[in-house]
Amino acid sequence: MKIDNRGKFRAASLAVLALAACASPESSPGSGDAAAGAGGVADLVILGGRVMDPETRLDAVRDVAVAGGRIAAIAEGGVAGRDTIDATGLVVAPGFVDLHAHGQDTVSAKLQALDGVTTALEMELGVYPVAEWVASREGTAPIHFGATVSHPGARTKLLAGSDVGHSVMTPPGEASPFEFDAVYG
């Protein structure tokens, strides 16, 4: 099956997700000979895309063959596949990390995946308490996630005795002598 250019965005998203799902330490650029399964044909070949892999520093137009759910080869052509995606003029990469992702829910993560994001991190305000936030995401997040610790959330817990969540702002006013001692000992 050949995917035509009318679905370039969808094809590019599929290409990125296919690489992200198939990437493994065993995957390495090859000559194309290893791309084939038992019959000499890969399950999927992403054709003619600009392949960018920071780990190997590859940045070139290549074909990417996927066999058995793994990247089997990255070659300059000559790789056959049951299904193909024409990625001409598109970037094919193992996935992108969003360091400043406000949407930390399942719907936002699914939309980020369509843009090729494989990891979304909340690194602006952060979250608090972290353990509870991580537990709420485990098993439900379609992409990798992470966050910094929320200074305002932790400070509110310490000074006000309130655990109001990760999006709280620091209470106004100067710290009392008791609050100062609680923070600085």
N, C-alpha and C. Protein backbone atom coordinates (compact mmCIF):
# COMPACT_ATOMS: atom_id res chain seq x y z
N MET A 1 0.84 -1.17 0.00
CA MET A 1 0.00 0.00 0.00
C MET A 1 0.89 1.23 0.00
N LYS A 2 0.56 2.20 -0.82
CA LYS A 2 1.33 3.44 -0.88
C LYS A 2 0.47 4.58 -0.36
N ILE A 3 1.03 5.37 0.53
CA ILE A 3 0.33 6.52 1.08
C ILE A 3 0.69 7.73 0.23
N ASP A 4 -0.33 8.42 -0.33
CA ASP A 4 -0.02 9.54 -1.23
C ASP A 4 0.22 10.83 -0.44
N ASN A 5 0.54 11.87 -1.15
CA ASN A 5 0.92 13.13 -0.52
C ASN A 5 -0.24 13.89 0.11
N ARG A 6 -1.48 13.50 -0.15
CA ARG A 6 -2.61 14.20 0.47
C ARG A 6 -2.59 14.04 1.98
N GLY A 7 -2.02 12.98 2.46
CA GLY A 7 -1.95 12.76 3.90
C GLY A 7 -0.55 12.98 4.45
N LYS A 8 0.17 13.99 3.92
CA LYS A 8 1.57 14.19 4.33
C LYS A 8 1.70 14.40 5.83
N PHE A 9 0.83 15.20 6.41
CA PHE A 9 0.93 15.43 7.85
C PHE A 9 0.71 14.13 8.60
N ARG A 10 -0.32 13.40 8.21
CA ARG A 10 -0.59 12.13 8.87
C ARG A 10 0.55 11.16 8.64
N ALA A 11 1.08 11.13 7.44
CA ALA A 11 2.20 10.24 7.13
C ALA A 11 3.43 10.61 7.96
N ALA A 12 3.68 11.90 8.08
CA ALA A 12 4.84 12.33 8.88
C ALA A 12 4.65 11.95 10.34
N SER A 13 3.44 12.13 10.85
CA SER A 13 3.16 11.74 12.23
C SER A 13 3.34 10.24 12.41
N LEU A 14 2.82 9.48 11.46
CA LEU A 14 2.99 8.03 11.53
C LEU A 14 4.46 7.65 11.47
N ALA A 15 5.20 8.34 10.63
CA ALA A 15 6.63 8.04 10.51
C ALA A 15 7.35 8.28 11.82
N VAL A 16 7.07 9.40 12.45
CA VAL A 16 7.72 9.71 13.72
C VAL A 16 7.29 8.71 14.79
N LEU A 17 5.99 8.41 14.85
CA LEU A 17 5.52 7.46 15.85
C LEU A 17 6.06 6.06 15.59
N ALA A 18 6.17 5.69 14.33
CA ALA A 18 6.73 4.37 14.01
C ALA A 18 8.17 4.28 14.48
N LEU A 19 8.94 5.32 14.24
CA LEU A 19 10.32 5.32 14.71
C LEU A 19 10.39 5.31 16.23
N ALA A 20 9.55 6.09 16.87
CA ALA A 20 9.58 6.14 18.33
C ALA A 20 9.20 4.79 18.93
N ALA A 21 8.21 4.15 18.34
CA ALA A 21 7.77 2.86 18.85
C ALA A 21 8.77 1.75 18.58
N CYS A 22 9.51 1.90 17.53
CA CYS A 22 10.41 0.83 17.11
C CYS A 22 11.85 1.03 17.55
N ALA A 23 12.20 2.21 18.00
CA ALA A 23 13.59 2.47 18.37
C ALA A 23 14.01 1.59 19.53
N SER A 24 15.20 1.06 19.46
CA SER A 24 15.74 0.23 20.53
C SER A 24 17.24 0.31 20.47
N PRO A 25 17.91 -0.06 21.58
CA PRO A 25 19.37 -0.02 21.55
C PRO A 25 19.96 -0.92 20.47
N GLU A 26 19.23 -1.96 20.08
CA GLU A 26 19.74 -2.85 19.05
C GLU A 26 19.62 -2.26 17.66
N SER A 27 18.77 -1.22 17.52
CA SER A 27 18.57 -0.62 16.21
C SER A 27 19.78 0.21 15.84
N SER A 28 20.25 0.00 14.64
CA SER A 28 21.36 0.82 14.17
C SER A 28 21.28 0.94 12.67
N PRO A 29 21.79 2.02 12.14
CA PRO A 29 21.76 2.18 10.70
C PRO A 29 22.49 1.04 10.03
N GLY A 30 21.86 0.48 9.02
CA GLY A 30 22.48 -0.63 8.32
C GLY A 30 22.49 -0.40 6.83
N SER A 31 22.85 -1.39 6.11
CA SER A 31 22.98 -1.26 4.66
C SER A 31 21.69 -1.57 3.93
N GLY A 32 20.69 -2.03 4.66
CA GLY A 32 19.44 -2.41 4.00
C GLY A 32 19.30 -3.91 3.92
N ASP A 33 20.40 -4.65 4.01
CA ASP A 33 20.32 -6.10 3.93
C ASP A 33 19.57 -6.69 5.12
N ALA A 34 19.69 -6.06 6.28
CA ALA A 34 19.04 -6.59 7.47
C ALA A 34 17.58 -6.19 7.57
N ALA A 35 17.09 -5.41 6.62
CA ALA A 35 15.73 -4.90 6.70
C ALA A 35 14.69 -5.97 6.49
N ALA A 36 15.04 -6.99 5.83
CA ALA A 36 14.06 -7.99 5.45
C ALA A 36 13.80 -8.98 6.55
N GLY A 37 12.55 -9.41 6.61
CA GLY A 37 12.24 -10.53 7.46
C GLY A 37 12.65 -11.79 6.73
N ALA A 38 11.96 -12.87 7.01
CA ALA A 38 12.32 -14.14 6.36
C ALA A 38 12.16 -14.05 4.85
N GLY A 39 11.21 -13.24 4.37
CA GLY A 39 10.96 -13.16 2.94
C GLY A 39 11.73 -12.06 2.24
N GLY A 40 12.59 -11.33 2.92
CA GLY A 40 13.36 -10.28 2.30
C GLY A 40 12.63 -8.97 2.16
N VAL A 41 11.46 -8.83 2.80
CA VAL A 41 10.66 -7.61 2.69
C VAL A 41 10.33 -7.12 4.10
N ALA A 42 10.57 -5.85 4.37
CA ALA A 42 10.24 -5.27 5.67
C ALA A 42 8.73 -5.08 5.79
N ASP A 43 8.26 -4.95 7.01
CA ASP A 43 6.83 -4.69 7.23
C ASP A 43 6.45 -3.30 6.74
N LEU A 44 7.33 -2.33 6.99
CA LEU A 44 7.07 -0.94 6.64
C LEU A 44 8.38 -0.29 6.23
N VAL A 45 8.33 0.53 5.18
CA VAL A 45 9.49 1.33 4.80
C VAL A 45 9.03 2.78 4.67
N ILE A 46 9.72 3.65 5.38
CA ILE A 46 9.49 5.08 5.30
C ILE A 46 10.49 5.60 4.28
N LEU A 47 9.99 6.07 3.15
CA LEU A 47 10.84 6.38 1.99
C LEU A 47 11.25 7.84 1.89
N GLY A 48 12.53 8.08 1.67
CA GLY A 48 13.03 9.38 1.25
C GLY A 48 12.89 10.53 2.21
N GLY A 49 12.75 10.25 3.50
CA GLY A 49 12.65 11.33 4.47
C GLY A 49 14.02 11.77 4.98
N ARG A 50 14.06 12.97 5.49
CA ARG A 50 15.30 13.46 6.12
C ARG A 50 15.36 12.83 7.51
N VAL A 51 16.20 11.83 7.66
CA VAL A 51 16.31 11.08 8.91
C VAL A 51 17.26 11.83 9.84
N MET A 52 16.76 12.15 11.02
CA MET A 52 17.57 12.86 12.02
C MET A 52 17.62 12.00 13.28
N ASP A 53 18.83 11.60 13.67
CA ASP A 53 19.01 10.78 14.86
C ASP A 53 20.14 11.39 15.69
N PRO A 54 19.81 12.11 16.77
CA PRO A 54 20.85 12.75 17.57
C PRO A 54 21.87 11.77 18.14
N GLU A 55 21.45 10.55 18.44
CA GLU A 55 22.38 9.58 19.04
C GLU A 55 23.53 9.25 18.10
N THR A 56 23.21 9.02 16.82
CA THR A 56 24.25 8.65 15.85
C THR A 56 24.72 9.85 15.03
N ARG A 57 24.07 11.01 15.23
CA ARG A 57 24.36 12.24 14.49
C ARG A 57 24.04 12.13 13.00
N LEU A 58 23.19 11.20 12.66
CA LEU A 58 22.76 11.08 11.27
C LEU A 58 21.79 12.20 10.96
N ASP A 59 22.00 12.86 9.84
CA ASP A 59 21.10 13.89 9.33
C ASP A 59 21.21 13.83 7.82
N ALA A 60 20.41 12.96 7.20
CA ALA A 60 20.52 12.72 5.76
C ALA A 60 19.21 12.13 5.25
N VAL A 61 19.01 12.23 3.96
CA VAL A 61 17.84 11.60 3.33
C VAL A 61 18.10 10.10 3.25
N ARG A 62 17.19 9.34 3.83
CA ARG A 62 17.34 7.88 3.89
C ARG A 62 15.96 7.23 3.85
N ASP A 63 15.97 5.91 3.65
CA ASP A 63 14.79 5.07 3.83
C ASP A 63 14.95 4.36 5.16
N VAL A 64 13.85 4.21 5.89
CA VAL A 64 13.88 3.52 7.18
C VAL A 64 12.99 2.30 7.07
N ALA A 65 13.57 1.12 7.31
CA ALA A 65 12.83 -0.13 7.24
C ALA A 65 12.49 -0.61 8.64
N VAL A 66 11.23 -1.02 8.82
CA VAL A 66 10.76 -1.55 10.09
C VAL A 66 10.31 -2.98 9.85
N ALA A 67 10.85 -3.90 10.65
CA ALA A 67 10.48 -5.32 10.54
C ALA A 67 10.29 -5.88 11.95
N GLY A 68 9.19 -6.56 12.15
CA GLY A 68 8.95 -7.16 13.46
C GLY A 68 8.85 -6.15 14.58
N GLY A 69 8.37 -4.94 14.27
CA GLY A 69 8.19 -3.93 15.29
C GLY A 69 9.45 -3.19 15.68
N ARG A 70 10.53 -3.35 14.93
CA ARG A 70 11.80 -2.68 15.24
C ARG A 70 12.40 -2.08 13.98
N ILE A 71 13.20 -1.04 14.19
CA ILE A 71 13.92 -0.48 13.05
C ILE A 71 14.94 -1.52 12.63
N ALA A 72 14.82 -1.97 11.40
CA ALA A 72 15.71 -3.02 10.90
C ALA A 72 16.87 -2.44 10.10
N ALA A 73 16.64 -1.31 9.44
CA ALA A 73 17.71 -0.73 8.64
C ALA A 73 17.40 0.72 8.31
N ILE A 74 18.46 1.47 8.14
CA ILE A 74 18.38 2.82 7.61
C ILE A 74 19.33 2.82 6.42
N ALA A 75 18.77 3.03 5.23
CA ALA A 75 19.57 2.84 4.02
C ALA A 75 19.31 3.96 3.02
N GLU A 76 20.19 4.04 2.02
CA GLU A 76 20.05 5.06 0.97
C GLU A 76 19.17 4.58 -0.17
N GLY A 77 18.43 3.55 0.01
CA GLY A 77 17.53 3.06 -1.02
C GLY A 77 17.62 1.56 -1.13
N GLY A 78 16.79 1.02 -1.98
CA GLY A 78 16.83 -0.41 -2.25
C GLY A 78 16.20 -1.28 -1.18
N VAL A 79 15.36 -0.70 -0.31
CA VAL A 79 14.71 -1.47 0.75
C VAL A 79 13.26 -1.68 0.35
N ALA A 80 12.83 -2.93 0.36
CA ALA A 80 11.45 -3.25 -0.01
C ALA A 80 10.61 -3.42 1.25
N GLY A 81 9.34 -3.01 1.15
CA GLY A 81 8.44 -3.16 2.29
C GLY A 81 7.03 -3.46 1.84
N ARG A 82 6.28 -4.18 2.70
CA ARG A 82 4.87 -4.47 2.40
C ARG A 82 4.08 -3.17 2.33
N ASP A 83 4.34 -2.27 3.28
CA ASP A 83 3.70 -0.96 3.30
C ASP A 83 4.78 0.10 3.20
N THR A 84 4.46 1.21 2.55
CA THR A 84 5.42 2.31 2.44
C THR A 84 4.75 3.63 2.79
N ILE A 85 5.56 4.53 3.29
CA ILE A 85 5.13 5.91 3.54
C ILE A 85 6.11 6.80 2.79
N ASP A 86 5.59 7.66 1.92
CA ASP A 86 6.43 8.60 1.20
C ASP A 86 6.69 9.80 2.11
N ALA A 87 7.91 9.91 2.61
CA ALA A 87 8.27 11.00 3.51
C ALA A 87 9.14 12.05 2.83
N THR A 88 9.10 12.09 1.50
CA THR A 88 9.89 13.07 0.75
C THR A 88 9.58 14.48 1.25
N GLY A 89 10.62 15.23 1.60
CA GLY A 89 10.46 16.59 2.08
C GLY A 89 10.06 16.70 3.54
N LEU A 90 9.98 15.56 4.23
CA LEU A 90 9.59 15.56 5.64
C LEU A 90 10.75 15.08 6.51
N VAL A 91 10.68 15.39 7.79
CA VAL A 91 11.68 14.94 8.75
C VAL A 91 11.19 13.66 9.41
N VAL A 92 12.07 12.68 9.49
CA VAL A 92 11.79 11.43 10.19
C VAL A 92 12.76 11.37 11.36
N ALA A 93 12.22 11.36 12.58
CA ALA A 93 13.07 11.40 13.77
C ALA A 93 12.52 10.45 14.83
N PRO A 94 13.36 10.04 15.78
CA PRO A 94 12.91 9.09 16.79
C PRO A 94 11.92 9.67 17.79
N GLY A 95 11.71 10.95 17.82
CA GLY A 95 10.74 11.56 18.72
C GLY A 95 11.28 12.85 19.28
N PHE A 96 10.39 13.70 19.73
CA PHE A 96 10.78 15.01 20.23
C PHE A 96 10.39 15.15 21.70
N VAL A 97 11.18 15.92 22.45
CA VAL A 97 10.92 16.18 23.87
C VAL A 97 10.43 17.62 24.00
N ASP A 98 9.25 17.79 24.60
CA ASP A 98 8.69 19.11 24.86
C ASP A 98 9.01 19.45 26.32
N LEU A 99 9.91 20.42 26.52
CA LEU A 99 10.36 20.77 27.86
C LEU A 99 9.42 21.72 28.59
N HIS A 100 8.42 22.24 27.91
CA HIS A 100 7.55 23.25 28.51
C HIS A 100 6.11 22.94 28.12
N ALA A 101 5.62 21.79 28.53
CA ALA A 101 4.28 21.35 28.14
C ALA A 101 3.27 21.68 29.24
N HIS A 102 2.33 22.56 28.93
CA HIS A 102 1.30 22.89 29.91
C HIS A 102 0.25 21.80 29.99
N GLY A 103 -0.13 21.22 28.87
CA GLY A 103 -1.15 20.18 28.86
C GLY A 103 -0.57 18.87 29.37
N GLN A 104 -0.90 18.50 30.59
CA GLN A 104 -0.38 17.26 31.17
C GLN A 104 -1.52 16.28 31.44
N ASP A 105 -2.42 16.18 30.49
CA ASP A 105 -3.52 15.23 30.59
C ASP A 105 -3.47 14.31 29.38
N THR A 106 -4.27 13.27 29.39
CA THR A 106 -4.22 12.26 28.33
C THR A 106 -4.58 12.84 26.97
N VAL A 107 -5.58 13.69 26.90
CA VAL A 107 -5.97 14.29 25.62
C VAL A 107 -4.82 15.12 25.05
N SER A 108 -4.21 15.96 25.88
CA SER A 108 -3.07 16.77 25.42
C SER A 108 -1.93 15.90 24.95
N ALA A 109 -1.66 14.82 25.67
CA ALA A 109 -0.56 13.92 25.30
C ALA A 109 -0.83 13.25 23.96
N LYS A 110 -2.07 12.89 23.69
CA LYS A 110 -2.41 12.29 22.39
C LYS A 110 -2.18 13.30 21.26
N LEU A 111 -2.54 14.55 21.49
CA LEU A 111 -2.32 15.59 20.48
C LEU A 111 -0.82 15.84 20.29
N GLN A 112 -0.06 15.82 21.37
CA GLN A 112 1.39 16.00 21.26
C GLN A 112 2.00 14.86 20.45
N ALA A 113 1.52 13.65 20.65
CA ALA A 113 2.04 12.50 19.91
C ALA A 113 1.84 12.69 18.41
N LEU A 114 0.73 13.31 18.02
CA LEU A 114 0.50 13.58 16.60
C LEU A 114 1.52 14.56 16.03
N ASP A 115 2.12 15.36 16.89
CA ASP A 115 3.17 16.29 16.47
C ASP A 115 4.56 15.68 16.58
N GLY A 116 4.64 14.41 16.95
CA GLY A 116 5.93 13.74 17.06
C GLY A 116 6.57 13.84 18.43
N VAL A 117 5.85 14.41 19.40
CA VAL A 117 6.38 14.50 20.76
C VAL A 117 6.25 13.13 21.43
N THR A 118 7.35 12.64 21.97
CA THR A 118 7.32 11.36 22.68
C THR A 118 7.53 11.54 24.18
N THR A 119 7.94 12.74 24.60
CA THR A 119 8.12 13.06 26.02
C THR A 119 7.67 14.50 26.25
N ALA A 120 6.78 14.70 27.23
CA ALA A 120 6.31 16.04 27.59
C ALA A 120 6.63 16.29 29.06
N LEU A 121 7.33 17.38 29.32
CA LEU A 121 7.75 17.70 30.68
C LEU A 121 7.13 19.02 31.14
N GLU A 122 6.62 19.04 32.36
CA GLU A 122 6.10 20.27 32.98
C GLU A 122 7.25 20.88 33.76
N MET A 123 7.95 21.82 33.12
CA MET A 123 9.14 22.39 33.76
C MET A 123 9.03 23.89 33.98
N GLU A 124 7.80 24.41 34.00
CA GLU A 124 7.64 25.83 34.30
C GLU A 124 7.31 25.97 35.78
N LEU A 125 6.07 25.78 36.15
CA LEU A 125 5.65 25.88 37.55
C LEU A 125 5.95 24.59 38.30
N GLY A 126 5.97 23.47 37.57
CA GLY A 126 6.21 22.18 38.22
C GLY A 126 4.95 21.63 38.85
N VAL A 127 5.09 20.55 39.59
CA VAL A 127 3.96 19.90 40.24
C VAL A 127 4.29 19.64 41.70
N TYR A 128 3.24 19.55 42.52
CA TYR A 128 3.41 19.21 43.92
C TYR A 128 2.08 18.71 44.44
N PRO A 129 2.06 17.62 45.15
CA PRO A 129 3.17 16.72 45.46
C PRO A 129 3.51 15.82 44.27
N VAL A 130 4.78 15.62 44.05
CA VAL A 130 5.26 14.92 42.86
C VAL A 130 4.81 13.47 42.83
N ALA A 131 4.95 12.75 43.94
CA ALA A 131 4.62 11.31 43.95
C ALA A 131 3.17 11.07 43.56
N GLU A 132 2.27 11.89 44.07
CA GLU A 132 0.85 11.74 43.72
C GLU A 132 0.61 12.05 42.25
N TRP A 133 1.28 13.07 41.73
CA TRP A 133 1.12 13.43 40.33
C TRP A 133 1.61 12.30 39.43
N VAL A 134 2.78 11.75 39.74
CA VAL A 134 3.31 10.64 38.95
C VAL A 134 2.36 9.45 39.00
N ALA A 135 1.86 9.12 40.19
CA ALA A 135 0.93 8.00 40.33
C ALA A 135 -0.33 8.21 39.50
N SER A 136 -0.79 9.46 39.41
CA SER A 136 -2.01 9.73 38.63
C SER A 136 -1.78 9.57 37.13
N ARG A 137 -0.55 9.66 36.67
CA ARG A 137 -0.22 9.57 35.24
C ARG A 137 0.17 8.15 34.82
N GLU A 138 0.71 7.39 35.75
CA GLU A 138 1.21 6.05 35.41
C GLU A 138 0.09 5.17 34.85
N GLY A 139 0.40 4.53 33.74
CA GLY A 139 -0.55 3.63 33.11
C GLY A 139 -1.59 4.30 32.24
N THR A 140 -1.64 5.63 32.24
CA THR A 140 -2.64 6.33 31.42
C THR A 140 -2.02 7.23 30.37
N ALA A 141 -0.76 7.57 30.53
CA ALA A 141 -0.11 8.52 29.62
C ALA A 141 0.35 7.81 28.34
N PRO A 142 -0.08 8.29 27.17
CA PRO A 142 0.35 7.67 25.92
C PRO A 142 1.78 8.03 25.50
N ILE A 143 2.39 8.99 26.19
CA ILE A 143 3.78 9.37 25.92
C ILE A 143 4.51 9.46 27.26
N HIS A 144 5.83 9.59 27.21
CA HIS A 144 6.61 9.74 28.44
C HIS A 144 6.31 11.10 29.06
N PHE A 145 6.42 11.19 30.39
CA PHE A 145 6.10 12.43 31.08
C PHE A 145 7.08 12.67 32.22
N GLY A 146 7.11 13.89 32.71
CA GLY A 146 7.94 14.24 33.85
C GLY A 146 7.68 15.68 34.24
N ALA A 147 8.23 16.08 35.38
CA ALA A 147 8.01 17.43 35.86
C ALA A 147 9.08 17.82 36.86
N THR A 148 9.21 19.12 37.06
CA THR A 148 10.02 19.63 38.15
C THR A 148 9.13 19.76 39.38
N VAL A 149 9.74 19.91 40.54
CA VAL A 149 8.99 20.10 41.77
C VAL A 149 8.52 21.55 41.83
N SER A 150 7.27 21.75 42.17
CA SER A 150 6.71 23.10 42.26
C SER A 150 7.15 23.78 43.55
N HIS A 151 7.98 24.79 43.41
CA HIS A 151 8.39 25.57 44.59
C HIS A 151 7.19 26.23 45.26
N PRO A 152 6.28 26.88 44.50
CA PRO A 152 5.12 27.48 45.17
C PRO A 152 4.25 26.45 45.88
N GLY A 153 4.07 25.28 45.27
CA GLY A 153 3.26 24.25 45.91
C GLY A 153 3.88 23.74 47.20
N ALA A 154 5.19 23.49 47.16
CA ALA A 154 5.89 23.02 48.36
C ALA A 154 5.89 24.09 49.44
N ARG A 155 6.08 25.34 49.05
CA ARG A 155 6.10 26.44 50.02
C ARG A 155 4.73 26.62 50.67
N THR A 156 3.68 26.51 49.87
CA THR A 156 2.33 26.63 50.42
C THR A 156 2.07 25.52 51.43
N LYS A 157 2.49 24.32 51.12
CA LYS A 157 2.32 23.20 52.04
C LYS A 157 3.05 23.48 53.36
N LEU A 158 4.27 23.95 53.26
CA LEU A 158 5.08 24.20 54.45
C LEU A 158 4.54 25.36 55.27
N LEU A 159 4.25 26.47 54.61
CA LEU A 159 3.89 27.68 55.34
C LEU A 159 2.42 27.75 55.72
N ALA A 160 1.55 27.29 54.85
CA ALA A 160 0.12 27.40 55.12
C ALA A 160 -0.49 26.10 55.62
N GLY A 161 0.30 25.02 55.57
CA GLY A 161 -0.23 23.74 56.01
C GLY A 161 -1.29 23.19 55.08
N SER A 162 -1.33 23.69 53.87
CA SER A 162 -2.36 23.29 52.92
C SER A 162 -1.72 22.62 51.72
N ASP A 163 -2.27 21.49 51.35
CA ASP A 163 -1.78 20.77 50.17
C ASP A 163 -2.82 20.98 49.07
N VAL A 164 -2.75 22.12 48.40
CA VAL A 164 -3.80 22.51 47.47
C VAL A 164 -3.51 22.14 46.02
N GLY A 165 -2.42 21.47 45.75
CA GLY A 165 -2.16 21.04 44.38
C GLY A 165 -0.98 21.73 43.75
N HIS A 166 -0.72 21.38 42.50
CA HIS A 166 0.51 21.83 41.84
C HIS A 166 0.41 23.19 41.19
N SER A 167 -0.77 23.76 41.06
CA SER A 167 -0.86 25.03 40.34
C SER A 167 -1.06 26.22 41.29
N VAL A 168 -0.75 26.04 42.56
CA VAL A 168 -0.95 27.10 43.54
C VAL A 168 0.17 28.14 43.44
N MET A 169 -0.16 29.37 43.73
CA MET A 169 0.85 30.43 43.78
C MET A 169 1.26 30.65 45.24
N THR A 170 2.42 31.21 45.44
CA THR A 170 2.93 31.47 46.78
C THR A 170 2.01 32.44 47.51
N PRO A 171 1.69 32.17 48.79
CA PRO A 171 0.84 33.10 49.54
C PRO A 171 1.51 34.47 49.64
N PRO A 172 0.71 35.55 49.59
CA PRO A 172 1.29 36.89 49.63
C PRO A 172 1.81 37.24 51.02
N GLY A 173 2.67 38.24 51.06
CA GLY A 173 3.15 38.77 52.34
C GLY A 173 4.51 38.24 52.74
N GLU A 174 5.09 38.92 53.74
CA GLU A 174 6.38 38.49 54.27
C GLU A 174 6.20 37.27 55.15
N ALA A 175 7.26 36.49 55.24
CA ALA A 175 7.23 35.32 56.12
C ALA A 175 7.31 35.79 57.58
N SER A 176 6.52 35.13 58.43
CA SER A 176 6.59 35.43 59.87
C SER A 176 7.86 34.79 60.43
N PRO A 177 8.25 35.15 61.67
CA PRO A 177 9.42 34.49 62.27
C PRO A 177 9.27 32.97 62.30
N PHE A 178 8.05 32.48 62.58
CA PHE A 178 7.82 31.03 62.59
C PHE A 178 8.04 30.44 61.19
N GLU A 179 7.49 31.10 60.17
CA GLU A 179 7.65 30.61 58.80
C GLU A 179 9.12 30.65 58.37
N PHE A 180 9.82 31.73 58.76
CA PHE A 180 11.24 31.84 58.42
C PHE A 180 12.01 30.68 59.04
N ASP A 181 11.74 30.37 60.32
CA ASP A 181 12.41 29.25 60.99
C ASP A 181 12.05 27.92 60.34
N ALA A 182 10.79 27.78 59.88
CA ALA A 182 10.37 26.53 59.24
C ALA A 182 11.13 26.30 57.94
N VAL A 183 11.42 27.38 57.22
CA VAL A 183 12.13 27.27 55.94
C VAL A 183 13.63 27.14 56.15
N TYR A 184 14.19 27.98 57.01
CA TYR A 184 15.65 28.06 57.12
C TYR A 184 16.22 27.38 58.37
N GLY A 185 15.36 26.95 59.28
CA GLY A 185 15.82 26.22 60.47
C GLY A 185 16.52 27.07 61.41
